[in-house]
Amino acid sequence: MRKTFRFEAAHTLPFHPGKCARLHGHSYRLEVAVAGPLRSRGPARGMVEDFDRIERIVGERVVDALDHQNLNELMENPTAEKIVLWIWKHLEASLPRLDELVLWETQTSCAVLRRSDLAR
């Protein structure tokens, strides 16, 4: 299952030789995918995960932290790849079934991080 979130943020890529070295912003789109067997009991019975729970966790731990921020104040050289890794680290403890993150920086450019990538 997959849930999508949006946030606005600014950053600079200080080591980039082009225009991305200047302060600029993006309308980010984040796709959060969880995987696993269907739950057999409790309020999430028949679900892999409750959409409301995903929304609450991602909202509190990611969207609230990144929305309308200068990402350079949160991490060094905030490339799409580093941002998606930062997001993973902020979600993994609360969403143990987290399987994949896709962070869209533009309509045609995204960074993907899968659980299997972390095992390498």
Protein backbone atom coordinates (compact mmCIF):
# COMPACT_ATOMS: atom_id res chain seq x y z
CA MET A 1 0.00 0.00 0.00
CA ARG A 2 1.08 3.53 -0.70
CA LYS A 3 0.16 6.97 0.65
CA THR A 4 1.19 10.31 -0.84
CA PHE A 5 2.17 13.51 0.97
CA ARG A 6 3.19 16.99 -0.15
CA PHE A 7 5.41 19.66 1.36
CA GLU A 8 7.25 22.78 0.24
CA ALA A 9 10.90 23.37 1.07
CA ALA A 10 13.97 25.29 -0.06
CA HIS A 11 17.60 24.24 -0.35
CA THR A 12 20.91 24.90 -2.03
CA LEU A 13 23.34 22.32 -3.34
CA PRO A 14 26.63 24.06 -2.54
CA PHE A 15 28.79 21.60 -4.49
CA HIS A 16 26.64 21.68 -7.64
CA PRO A 17 28.25 23.51 -10.58
CA GLY A 18 24.96 24.85 -11.93
CA LYS A 19 21.94 26.84 -10.87
CA CYS A 20 21.07 24.43 -8.04
CA ALA A 21 23.92 25.99 -6.04
CA ARG A 22 21.62 28.99 -5.53
CA LEU A 23 18.75 28.97 -3.03
CA HIS A 24 15.63 27.56 -4.67
CA GLY A 25 12.50 25.68 -3.67
CA HIS A 26 10.50 22.63 -4.63
CA SER A 27 6.97 21.37 -4.19
CA TYR A 28 7.95 17.90 -2.99
CA ARG A 29 5.72 14.86 -3.31
CA LEU A 30 6.51 11.93 -1.03
CA GLU A 31 5.16 8.42 -1.59
CA VAL A 32 5.34 6.13 1.43
CA ALA A 33 4.91 2.41 0.78
CA VAL A 34 4.44 -0.25 3.42
CA ALA A 35 4.35 -3.99 2.80
CA GLY A 36 3.67 -7.17 4.69
CA PRO A 37 0.95 -9.64 5.50
CA LEU A 38 -2.56 -8.55 6.39
CA ARG A 39 -3.09 -8.08 10.10
CA SER A 40 -5.28 -10.79 11.61
CA ARG A 41 -6.49 -8.95 14.73
CA GLY A 42 -6.89 -5.54 16.30
CA PRO A 43 -8.38 -2.38 14.78
CA ALA A 44 -6.23 -2.78 11.63
CA ARG A 45 -7.53 -6.31 11.00
CA GLY A 46 -7.50 -7.08 7.27
CA MET A 47 -5.02 -4.25 6.56
CA VAL A 48 -1.28 -4.15 6.01
CA GLU A 49 -1.36 -0.80 7.83
CA ASP A 50 -4.02 1.75 8.72
CA PHE A 51 -3.91 4.76 6.34
CA ASP A 52 -4.81 7.07 9.24
CA ARG A 53 -1.82 5.82 11.24
CA ILE A 54 0.52 6.35 8.27
CA GLU A 55 -0.85 9.87 7.81
CA ARG A 56 -0.37 10.74 11.48
CA ILE A 57 3.18 9.38 11.69
CA VAL A 58 4.42 10.88 8.42
CA GLY A 59 2.68 14.15 9.18
CA GLU A 60 4.27 14.48 12.61
CA ARG A 61 7.74 13.14 11.85
CA VAL A 62 8.31 14.36 8.29
CA VAL A 63 5.85 16.87 6.86
CA ASP A 64 5.72 19.04 10.00
CA ALA A 65 9.53 18.95 10.21
CA LEU A 66 10.27 19.75 6.54
CA ASP A 67 7.39 21.90 5.29
CA HIS A 68 8.44 25.49 4.52
CA GLN A 69 11.96 24.88 5.82
CA ASN A 70 15.42 25.57 4.47
CA LEU A 71 16.67 21.99 4.27
CA ASN A 72 20.30 23.11 4.55
CA GLU A 73 19.55 23.94 8.18
CA LEU A 74 18.57 20.28 8.81
CA MET A 75 21.26 18.46 6.82
CA GLU A 76 24.42 19.12 4.86
CA ASN A 77 24.13 19.18 1.05
CA PRO A 78 20.43 18.16 0.93
CA THR A 79 20.25 16.25 -2.35
CA ALA A 80 17.09 14.31 -3.10
CA GLU A 81 18.97 11.14 -2.15
CA LYS A 82 20.02 12.52 1.24
CA ILE A 83 16.56 13.91 1.95
CA VAL A 84 14.88 10.56 1.28
CA LEU A 85 17.41 8.82 3.56
CA TRP A 86 16.70 11.42 6.29
CA ILE A 87 12.98 10.69 5.90
CA TRP A 88 13.56 6.93 6.16
CA LYS A 89 15.53 7.34 9.38
CA HIS A 90 12.71 9.43 10.86
CA LEU A 91 10.02 6.86 9.97
CA GLU A 92 11.55 3.41 10.37
CA ALA A 93 11.06 3.08 14.13
CA SER A 94 7.36 3.99 13.95
CA LEU A 95 6.59 2.23 10.66
CA PRO A 96 8.38 -1.14 10.84
CA ARG A 97 6.63 -2.26 7.64
CA LEU A 98 8.11 0.65 5.70
CA ASP A 99 9.20 -0.79 2.36
CA GLU A 100 9.84 2.08 -0.06
CA LEU A 101 9.99 5.87 -0.24
CA VAL A 102 9.75 7.88 -3.44
CA LEU A 103 10.56 11.57 -3.14
CA TRP A 104 9.56 13.63 -6.17
CA GLU A 105 11.54 16.87 -6.40
CA THR A 106 9.95 17.86 -9.72
CA GLN A 107 7.30 16.26 -11.92
CA THR A 108 10.00 14.29 -13.73
CA SER A 109 12.74 13.72 -11.12
CA CYS A 110 12.62 11.56 -8.01
CA ALA A 111 14.80 9.65 -5.57
CA VAL A 112 13.74 6.14 -4.57
CA LEU A 113 14.85 4.31 -1.44
CA ARG A 114 13.83 0.70 -0.87
CA ARG A 115 14.34 -1.44 2.21
CA SER A 116 16.55 -3.69 0.08
CA ASP A 117 18.84 -0.70 -0.69
CA LEU A 118 19.67 -0.36 3.00
CA ALA A 119 20.97 -3.93 3.21
CA ARG A 120 23.75 -3.26 0.69
